[in-house]
Amino acid sequence: MPATRDRLPAPRYSAGWNRWLPIQYRLIRQLDPLVRTTWRGFGLGNVVELRVAGRRTGMTRSVLLGLLRDGDRWFLGHPNGDVPWTLNLAAAGTALLVFRPPTAIAIKARRLEAGELRDRAIAATGQHVFPGNLIYRLARAHVRAVGAYFLIEVGD
C-alpha cells in the first residue's frame, strides 16, 4: 500500500478556507447545546468530549470533537491551526476524554509535526459526521498546510 502522504494533496495554504473554517466553527458553537444533548442521549458518530485545563486559568474547559482512528491510534485535531482547545491541550499535555457521560478516560496528547503520522490523522478525517467529512476532504491541502493535530494515548 502506498504511503498515506502519496494519497493526500500537497500542503497549500488557502485564504478562502482560512476565512470559511472560523465561520463554520462559530455556527457549530451556536448549535452546541442541541448537539451536546443529542450526544449525551444517543451518541453521535465519532464525537467525544475533551476536558482539558485552561492554559491561563487552570479551569477545566470542555469541547466536543471528532475522535479520529487509524488502526489502534487515536487523533484529535483542528483543520485551521491552533484554537483555544489545541493551545490548552498542548500546554497541559493531558486531559480527559469522555465517550458518553459518565465514561471518561485519562489521556496524554503529543502534538504531531509534518510527516506520515500527521498525514494519517488528516486522512482519517473522513470519519467525521457529515458535513464535516466532506468539508475536510475539500480542504485537505489547506489542512495539511496549517492543521493542528495530536496523537492521543490512554494513560494518566
N, C-alpha and C. Protein backbone atom coordinates (compact mmCIF):
# COMPACT_ATOMS: atom_id res chain seq x y z
N MET A 1 0.84 -1.17 0.00
CA MET A 1 0.00 0.00 0.00
C MET A 1 0.89 1.24 0.00
N PRO A 2 0.58 2.25 -0.84
CA PRO A 2 1.41 3.45 -0.87
C PRO A 2 1.27 4.23 0.43
N ALA A 3 2.26 5.02 0.72
CA ALA A 3 2.24 5.84 1.93
C ALA A 3 1.04 6.78 1.88
N THR A 4 0.47 7.07 3.06
CA THR A 4 -0.68 7.97 3.15
C THR A 4 -0.37 9.31 2.50
N ARG A 5 0.84 9.78 2.67
CA ARG A 5 1.23 11.07 2.12
C ARG A 5 1.03 11.10 0.62
N ASP A 6 1.21 9.96 -0.08
CA ASP A 6 1.05 9.90 -1.53
C ASP A 6 -0.40 10.10 -1.95
N ARG A 7 -1.35 9.84 -1.07
CA ARG A 7 -2.76 9.98 -1.40
C ARG A 7 -3.32 11.35 -1.07
N LEU A 8 -2.58 12.15 -0.38
CA LEU A 8 -3.06 13.47 0.01
C LEU A 8 -2.47 14.54 -0.90
N PRO A 9 -3.22 15.63 -1.12
CA PRO A 9 -2.65 16.71 -1.93
C PRO A 9 -1.48 17.38 -1.21
N ALA A 10 -0.67 18.04 -1.95
CA ALA A 10 0.46 18.79 -1.36
C ALA A 10 -0.10 19.87 -0.42
N PRO A 11 0.59 20.14 0.69
CA PRO A 11 0.13 21.21 1.59
C PRO A 11 0.08 22.54 0.85
N ARG A 12 -1.04 23.25 1.02
CA ARG A 12 -1.18 24.55 0.37
C ARG A 12 -2.16 25.41 1.19
N TYR A 13 -1.66 26.50 1.72
CA TYR A 13 -2.49 27.44 2.46
C TYR A 13 -3.56 28.02 1.52
N SER A 14 -4.78 28.16 2.03
CA SER A 14 -5.87 28.75 1.26
C SER A 14 -6.52 29.87 2.06
N ALA A 15 -6.49 31.08 1.51
CA ALA A 15 -7.13 32.21 2.18
C ALA A 15 -8.63 31.98 2.31
N GLY A 16 -9.23 31.33 1.31
CA GLY A 16 -10.67 31.04 1.35
C GLY A 16 -11.03 30.11 2.50
N TRP A 17 -10.30 28.99 2.62
CA TRP A 17 -10.56 28.07 3.72
C TRP A 17 -10.22 28.73 5.05
N ASN A 18 -9.19 29.54 5.10
CA ASN A 18 -8.81 30.23 6.33
C ASN A 18 -9.93 31.17 6.80
N ARG A 19 -10.69 31.73 5.86
CA ARG A 19 -11.83 32.58 6.22
C ARG A 19 -13.07 31.75 6.54
N TRP A 20 -13.33 30.68 5.76
CA TRP A 20 -14.55 29.90 5.93
C TRP A 20 -14.56 29.07 7.22
N LEU A 21 -13.47 28.40 7.54
CA LEU A 21 -13.47 27.48 8.69
C LEU A 21 -13.83 28.16 10.01
N PRO A 22 -13.33 29.38 10.31
CA PRO A 22 -13.78 30.03 11.56
C PRO A 22 -15.28 30.34 11.56
N ILE A 23 -15.83 30.68 10.41
CA ILE A 23 -17.28 30.92 10.32
C ILE A 23 -18.02 29.62 10.60
N GLN A 24 -17.57 28.54 9.99
CA GLN A 24 -18.19 27.22 10.20
C GLN A 24 -18.17 26.84 11.68
N TYR A 25 -17.04 27.06 12.34
CA TYR A 25 -16.94 26.66 13.74
C TYR A 25 -17.74 27.59 14.65
N ARG A 26 -17.96 28.85 14.27
CA ARG A 26 -18.86 29.72 15.03
C ARG A 26 -20.28 29.18 14.95
N LEU A 27 -20.68 28.73 13.76
CA LEU A 27 -22.02 28.14 13.59
C LEU A 27 -22.16 26.87 14.44
N ILE A 28 -21.14 26.04 14.44
CA ILE A 28 -21.15 24.81 15.25
C ILE A 28 -21.30 25.15 16.73
N ARG A 29 -20.59 26.20 17.20
CA ARG A 29 -20.70 26.59 18.61
C ARG A 29 -22.13 27.02 18.94
N GLN A 30 -22.81 27.65 17.98
CA GLN A 30 -24.20 28.06 18.21
C GLN A 30 -25.11 26.83 18.40
N LEU A 31 -24.77 25.75 17.72
CA LEU A 31 -25.56 24.51 17.80
C LEU A 31 -25.13 23.61 18.95
N ASP A 32 -24.09 24.01 19.70
CA ASP A 32 -23.53 23.16 20.75
C ASP A 32 -24.57 22.62 21.73
N PRO A 33 -25.50 23.43 22.25
CA PRO A 33 -26.46 22.87 23.21
C PRO A 33 -27.29 21.72 22.61
N LEU A 34 -27.73 21.85 21.38
CA LEU A 34 -28.51 20.80 20.73
C LEU A 34 -27.66 19.57 20.45
N VAL A 35 -26.45 19.80 19.94
CA VAL A 35 -25.54 18.69 19.64
C VAL A 35 -25.16 17.96 20.92
N ARG A 36 -24.86 18.70 21.97
CA ARG A 36 -24.47 18.10 23.25
C ARG A 36 -25.59 17.24 23.84
N THR A 37 -26.82 17.73 23.74
CA THR A 37 -27.97 16.97 24.24
C THR A 37 -28.14 15.67 23.45
N THR A 38 -28.03 15.76 22.14
CA THR A 38 -28.14 14.57 21.30
C THR A 38 -27.01 13.59 21.61
N TRP A 39 -25.78 14.11 21.73
CA TRP A 39 -24.61 13.28 22.01
C TRP A 39 -24.77 12.56 23.35
N ARG A 40 -25.21 13.30 24.39
CA ARG A 40 -25.38 12.69 25.72
C ARG A 40 -26.44 11.58 25.69
N GLY A 41 -27.50 11.81 24.93
CA GLY A 41 -28.60 10.86 24.93
C GLY A 41 -28.39 9.64 24.05
N PHE A 42 -27.75 9.85 22.89
CA PHE A 42 -27.69 8.78 21.90
C PHE A 42 -26.31 8.50 21.33
N GLY A 43 -25.35 9.38 21.61
CA GLY A 43 -24.06 9.29 20.93
C GLY A 43 -24.21 9.96 19.57
N LEU A 44 -23.10 10.23 18.95
CA LEU A 44 -23.14 10.93 17.66
C LEU A 44 -21.85 10.62 16.90
N GLY A 45 -21.87 9.54 16.14
CA GLY A 45 -20.71 9.18 15.33
C GLY A 45 -19.45 9.07 16.16
N ASN A 46 -18.42 9.78 15.72
CA ASN A 46 -17.12 9.73 16.40
C ASN A 46 -16.94 10.88 17.40
N VAL A 47 -18.04 11.52 17.80
CA VAL A 47 -17.96 12.70 18.67
C VAL A 47 -17.67 12.28 20.11
N VAL A 48 -16.68 12.96 20.70
CA VAL A 48 -16.27 12.79 22.09
C VAL A 48 -16.14 14.18 22.72
N GLU A 49 -16.07 14.20 24.03
CA GLU A 49 -15.86 15.46 24.73
C GLU A 49 -14.43 15.47 25.29
N LEU A 50 -13.70 16.53 24.99
CA LEU A 50 -12.37 16.72 25.56
C LEU A 50 -12.50 17.68 26.73
N ARG A 51 -12.00 17.26 27.88
CA ARG A 51 -11.95 18.13 29.07
C ARG A 51 -10.49 18.38 29.38
N VAL A 52 -10.08 19.62 29.24
CA VAL A 52 -8.67 19.97 29.39
C VAL A 52 -8.54 21.24 30.23
N ALA A 53 -7.48 21.32 31.01
CA ALA A 53 -7.23 22.51 31.83
C ALA A 53 -6.86 23.69 30.93
N GLY A 54 -7.46 24.85 31.23
CA GLY A 54 -7.11 26.06 30.50
C GLY A 54 -5.68 26.46 30.81
N ARG A 55 -4.96 26.90 29.81
CA ARG A 55 -3.54 27.21 29.97
C ARG A 55 -3.31 28.46 30.82
N ARG A 56 -4.28 29.34 30.92
CA ARG A 56 -4.12 30.56 31.73
C ARG A 56 -4.78 30.44 33.10
N THR A 57 -5.99 29.86 33.12
CA THR A 57 -6.76 29.82 34.37
C THR A 57 -6.64 28.51 35.12
N GLY A 58 -6.31 27.43 34.42
CA GLY A 58 -6.30 26.12 35.04
C GLY A 58 -7.68 25.51 35.18
N MET A 59 -8.72 26.28 34.83
CA MET A 59 -10.09 25.78 34.90
C MET A 59 -10.33 24.77 33.78
N THR A 60 -11.13 23.75 34.07
CA THR A 60 -11.44 22.74 33.06
C THR A 60 -12.30 23.33 31.96
N ARG A 61 -11.87 23.12 30.74
CA ARG A 61 -12.60 23.56 29.54
C ARG A 61 -13.08 22.32 28.81
N SER A 62 -14.25 22.41 28.24
CA SER A 62 -14.86 21.27 27.57
C SER A 62 -15.22 21.63 26.14
N VAL A 63 -14.94 20.72 25.22
CA VAL A 63 -15.28 20.92 23.81
C VAL A 63 -15.61 19.56 23.19
N LEU A 64 -16.62 19.55 22.33
CA LEU A 64 -16.95 18.34 21.59
C LEU A 64 -16.09 18.28 20.34
N LEU A 65 -15.50 17.11 20.09
CA LEU A 65 -14.59 16.93 18.95
C LEU A 65 -14.84 15.59 18.30
N GLY A 66 -14.35 15.44 17.09
CA GLY A 66 -14.39 14.15 16.42
C GLY A 66 -13.10 13.39 16.69
N LEU A 67 -13.21 12.22 17.30
CA LEU A 67 -12.04 11.37 17.55
C LEU A 67 -11.75 10.59 16.29
N LEU A 68 -10.54 10.72 15.78
CA LEU A 68 -10.12 10.04 14.55
C LEU A 68 -9.35 8.79 14.92
N ARG A 69 -9.61 7.72 14.19
CA ARG A 69 -8.93 6.45 14.46
C ARG A 69 -8.21 5.97 13.21
N ASP A 70 -7.02 5.44 13.43
CA ASP A 70 -6.23 4.82 12.37
C ASP A 70 -5.61 3.58 12.99
N GLY A 71 -6.20 2.43 12.73
CA GLY A 71 -5.75 1.21 13.40
C GLY A 71 -5.97 1.36 14.89
N ASP A 72 -4.90 1.18 15.68
CA ASP A 72 -5.04 1.31 17.13
C ASP A 72 -4.63 2.71 17.62
N ARG A 73 -4.43 3.64 16.70
CA ARG A 73 -4.06 5.01 17.08
C ARG A 73 -5.28 5.92 17.08
N TRP A 74 -5.25 6.90 18.00
CA TRP A 74 -6.30 7.91 18.09
C TRP A 74 -5.68 9.27 17.85
N PHE A 75 -6.47 10.15 17.21
CA PHE A 75 -6.02 11.51 16.93
C PHE A 75 -7.14 12.50 17.23
N LEU A 76 -6.75 13.70 17.62
CA LEU A 76 -7.64 14.86 17.70
C LEU A 76 -6.96 15.98 16.95
N GLY A 77 -7.76 16.84 16.34
CA GLY A 77 -7.13 17.94 15.63
C GLY A 77 -8.11 19.00 15.21
N HIS A 78 -7.55 20.10 14.74
CA HIS A 78 -8.34 21.20 14.20
C HIS A 78 -7.78 21.56 12.83
N PRO A 79 -8.65 21.70 11.82
CA PRO A 79 -8.19 21.87 10.45
C PRO A 79 -7.55 23.21 10.14
N ASN A 80 -7.80 24.21 10.96
CA ASN A 80 -7.34 25.56 10.63
C ASN A 80 -6.28 26.07 11.59
N GLY A 81 -5.51 25.15 12.16
CA GLY A 81 -4.42 25.57 13.05
C GLY A 81 -4.89 25.70 14.49
N ASP A 82 -4.10 26.40 15.28
CA ASP A 82 -4.38 26.49 16.70
C ASP A 82 -5.63 27.30 17.01
N VAL A 83 -6.39 26.77 17.93
CA VAL A 83 -7.57 27.42 18.52
C VAL A 83 -7.42 27.21 20.02
N PRO A 84 -8.26 27.82 20.85
CA PRO A 84 -8.05 27.69 22.30
C PRO A 84 -7.88 26.26 22.80
N TRP A 85 -8.69 25.30 22.34
CA TRP A 85 -8.56 23.95 22.89
C TRP A 85 -7.24 23.30 22.48
N THR A 86 -6.71 23.57 21.28
CA THR A 86 -5.43 22.97 20.89
C THR A 86 -4.29 23.57 21.70
N LEU A 87 -4.37 24.86 21.96
CA LEU A 87 -3.34 25.52 22.77
C LEU A 87 -3.38 24.99 24.21
N ASN A 88 -4.60 24.80 24.73
CA ASN A 88 -4.74 24.24 26.09
C ASN A 88 -4.20 22.82 26.16
N LEU A 89 -4.53 22.00 25.16
CA LEU A 89 -4.06 20.62 25.16
C LEU A 89 -2.54 20.55 25.02
N ALA A 90 -1.98 21.40 24.17
CA ALA A 90 -0.52 21.44 24.01
C ALA A 90 0.16 21.83 25.32
N ALA A 91 -0.43 22.81 26.03
CA ALA A 91 0.16 23.27 27.29
C ALA A 91 0.02 22.22 28.39
N ALA A 92 -1.14 21.60 28.47
CA ALA A 92 -1.39 20.63 29.55
C ALA A 92 -0.74 19.28 29.27
N GLY A 93 -0.81 18.83 28.03
CA GLY A 93 -0.26 17.52 27.68
C GLY A 93 -1.13 16.35 28.10
N THR A 94 -2.09 16.59 29.00
CA THR A 94 -3.01 15.56 29.47
C THR A 94 -4.42 16.14 29.51
N ALA A 95 -5.40 15.24 29.51
CA ALA A 95 -6.80 15.66 29.56
C ALA A 95 -7.66 14.46 29.87
N LEU A 96 -8.96 14.68 29.90
CA LEU A 96 -9.92 13.59 29.99
C LEU A 96 -10.68 13.53 28.67
N LEU A 97 -10.96 12.33 28.23
CA LEU A 97 -11.73 12.11 27.02
C LEU A 97 -13.01 11.39 27.44
N VAL A 98 -14.15 11.99 27.13
CA VAL A 98 -15.45 11.44 27.52
C VAL A 98 -16.13 10.90 26.27
N PHE A 99 -16.44 9.59 26.29
CA PHE A 99 -17.12 8.99 25.15
C PHE A 99 -18.61 9.24 25.22
N ARG A 100 -19.20 9.06 26.36
CA ARG A 100 -20.54 9.48 26.72
C ARG A 100 -20.57 9.46 28.23
N PRO A 101 -21.09 10.52 28.83
CA PRO A 101 -21.08 10.54 30.29
C PRO A 101 -21.71 9.28 30.84
N PRO A 102 -21.16 8.72 31.88
CA PRO A 102 -20.05 9.19 32.70
C PRO A 102 -18.71 8.57 32.31
N THR A 103 -18.60 7.95 31.13
CA THR A 103 -17.39 7.25 30.73
C THR A 103 -16.28 8.21 30.31
N ALA A 104 -15.28 8.39 31.16
CA ALA A 104 -14.16 9.29 30.87
C ALA A 104 -12.86 8.54 31.11
N ILE A 105 -11.87 8.80 30.26
CA ILE A 105 -10.56 8.19 30.44
C ILE A 105 -9.49 9.27 30.40
N ALA A 106 -8.44 9.07 31.16
CA ALA A 106 -7.30 9.98 31.15
C ALA A 106 -6.49 9.72 29.89
N ILE A 107 -6.05 10.80 29.25
CA ILE A 107 -5.23 10.68 28.04
C ILE A 107 -3.99 11.56 28.12
N LYS A 108 -3.02 11.21 27.31
CA LYS A 108 -1.85 12.04 27.06
C LYS A 108 -1.92 12.44 25.60
N ALA A 109 -1.46 13.63 25.30
CA ALA A 109 -1.50 14.11 23.93
C ALA A 109 -0.14 14.61 23.50
N ARG A 110 0.24 14.24 22.29
CA ARG A 110 1.51 14.71 21.72
C ARG A 110 1.22 15.37 20.38
N ARG A 111 1.62 16.63 20.27
CA ARG A 111 1.40 17.37 19.03
C ARG A 111 2.20 16.72 17.90
N LEU A 112 1.58 16.60 16.74
CA LEU A 112 2.24 15.98 15.60
C LEU A 112 2.79 17.04 14.66
N GLU A 113 4.03 16.85 14.27
CA GLU A 113 4.66 17.70 13.27
C GLU A 113 4.39 17.09 11.90
N ALA A 114 4.73 17.80 10.84
CA ALA A 114 4.54 17.28 9.48
C ALA A 114 5.21 15.92 9.35
N GLY A 115 4.52 15.01 8.68
CA GLY A 115 5.08 13.68 8.48
C GLY A 115 3.99 12.65 8.33
N GLU A 116 4.41 11.40 8.26
CA GLU A 116 3.49 10.29 7.97
C GLU A 116 2.38 10.15 9.01
N LEU A 117 2.69 10.26 10.29
CA LEU A 117 1.68 10.08 11.32
C LEU A 117 0.62 11.19 11.26
N ARG A 118 1.07 12.42 11.09
CA ARG A 118 0.12 13.54 10.96
C ARG A 118 -0.73 13.36 9.71
N ASP A 119 -0.12 12.92 8.61
CA ASP A 119 -0.88 12.68 7.38
C ASP A 119 -1.92 11.59 7.58
N ARG A 120 -1.61 10.59 8.39
CA ARG A 120 -2.58 9.54 8.67
C ARG A 120 -3.78 10.11 9.44
N ALA A 121 -3.50 11.04 10.35
CA ALA A 121 -4.58 11.70 11.08
C ALA A 121 -5.46 12.49 10.11
N ILE A 122 -4.85 13.22 9.21
CA ILE A 122 -5.61 14.03 8.25
C ILE A 122 -6.40 13.13 7.30
N ALA A 123 -5.82 12.02 6.87
CA ALA A 123 -6.53 11.09 6.00
C ALA A 123 -7.74 10.49 6.72
N ALA A 124 -7.70 10.41 8.04
CA ALA A 124 -8.80 9.82 8.81
C ALA A 124 -9.97 10.78 9.01
N THR A 125 -9.86 12.02 8.56
CA THR A 125 -10.94 12.99 8.78
C THR A 125 -12.23 12.62 8.07
N GLY A 126 -12.18 11.65 7.16
CA GLY A 126 -13.40 11.16 6.53
C GLY A 126 -14.33 10.50 7.53
N GLN A 127 -13.85 10.23 8.75
CA GLN A 127 -14.67 9.61 9.80
C GLN A 127 -15.62 10.61 10.46
N HIS A 128 -15.40 11.90 10.23
CA HIS A 128 -16.27 12.90 10.85
C HIS A 128 -17.69 12.76 10.34
N VAL A 129 -18.64 13.17 11.18
CA VAL A 129 -20.04 13.16 10.75
C VAL A 129 -20.24 14.21 9.67
N PHE A 130 -21.17 13.93 8.75
CA PHE A 130 -21.49 14.86 7.66
C PHE A 130 -22.02 16.16 8.26
N PRO A 131 -21.66 17.31 7.74
CA PRO A 131 -20.87 17.57 6.54
C PRO A 131 -19.38 17.74 6.79
N GLY A 132 -18.95 17.52 8.05
CA GLY A 132 -17.54 17.69 8.38
C GLY A 132 -16.62 16.86 7.49
N ASN A 133 -17.01 15.60 7.24
CA ASN A 133 -16.17 14.74 6.42
C ASN A 133 -15.98 15.32 5.02
N LEU A 134 -17.02 15.90 4.45
CA LEU A 134 -16.93 16.50 3.12
C LEU A 134 -16.07 17.77 3.14
N ILE A 135 -16.30 18.63 4.12
CA ILE A 135 -15.54 19.88 4.23
C ILE A 135 -14.04 19.58 4.38
N TYR A 136 -13.72 18.65 5.28
CA TYR A 136 -12.31 18.31 5.50
C TYR A 136 -11.68 17.76 4.22
N ARG A 137 -12.44 16.97 3.47
CA ARG A 137 -11.90 16.40 2.23
C ARG A 137 -11.61 17.50 1.22
N LEU A 138 -12.54 18.41 1.07
CA LEU A 138 -12.36 19.51 0.12
C LEU A 138 -11.20 20.43 0.52
N ALA A 139 -10.97 20.55 1.81
CA ALA A 139 -9.94 21.47 2.32
C ALA A 139 -8.62 20.78 2.64
N ARG A 140 -8.41 19.54 2.20
CA ARG A 140 -7.24 18.76 2.62
C ARG A 140 -5.89 19.45 2.39
N ALA A 141 -5.71 20.11 1.28
CA ALA A 141 -4.43 20.77 1.03
C ALA A 141 -4.19 21.85 2.09
N HIS A 142 -5.23 22.62 2.41
CA HIS A 142 -5.12 23.65 3.44
C HIS A 142 -4.90 23.02 4.82
N VAL A 143 -5.63 21.95 5.11
CA VAL A 143 -5.49 21.27 6.40
C VAL A 143 -4.06 20.74 6.56
N ARG A 144 -3.50 20.20 5.50
CA ARG A 144 -2.11 19.71 5.58
C ARG A 144 -1.14 20.87 5.83
N ALA A 145 -1.47 22.04 5.32
CA ALA A 145 -0.57 23.19 5.49
C ALA A 145 -0.64 23.78 6.89
N VAL A 146 -1.83 23.83 7.49
CA VAL A 146 -1.97 24.58 8.75
C VAL A 146 -2.60 23.82 9.92
N GLY A 147 -3.20 22.66 9.69
CA GLY A 147 -3.93 21.95 10.74
C GLY A 147 -3.08 21.62 11.95
N ALA A 148 -3.71 21.59 13.11
CA ALA A 148 -3.05 21.25 14.37
C ALA A 148 -3.59 19.90 14.82
N TYR A 149 -2.74 18.88 14.87
CA TYR A 149 -3.15 17.51 15.20
C TYR A 149 -2.32 16.92 16.32
N PHE A 150 -2.99 16.03 17.10
CA PHE A 150 -2.37 15.40 18.25
C PHE A 150 -2.57 13.90 18.20
N LEU A 151 -1.54 13.16 18.59
CA LEU A 151 -1.65 11.74 18.84
C LEU A 151 -2.14 11.58 20.28
N ILE A 152 -3.17 10.77 20.46
CA ILE A 152 -3.77 10.57 21.78
C ILE A 152 -3.43 9.19 22.29
N GLU A 153 -2.92 9.14 23.51
CA GLU A 153 -2.58 7.86 24.15
C GLU A 153 -3.30 7.77 25.47
N VAL A 154 -3.83 6.59 25.76
CA VAL A 154 -4.51 6.36 27.03
C VAL A 154 -3.46 6.29 28.13
N GLY A 155 -3.71 6.98 29.20
CA GLY A 155 -2.77 6.99 30.33
C GLY A 155 -3.00 8.20 31.20
N ASP A 156 -2.38 8.19 32.34
CA ASP A 156 -2.56 9.32 33.27
C ASP A 156 -1.35 10.15 33.18
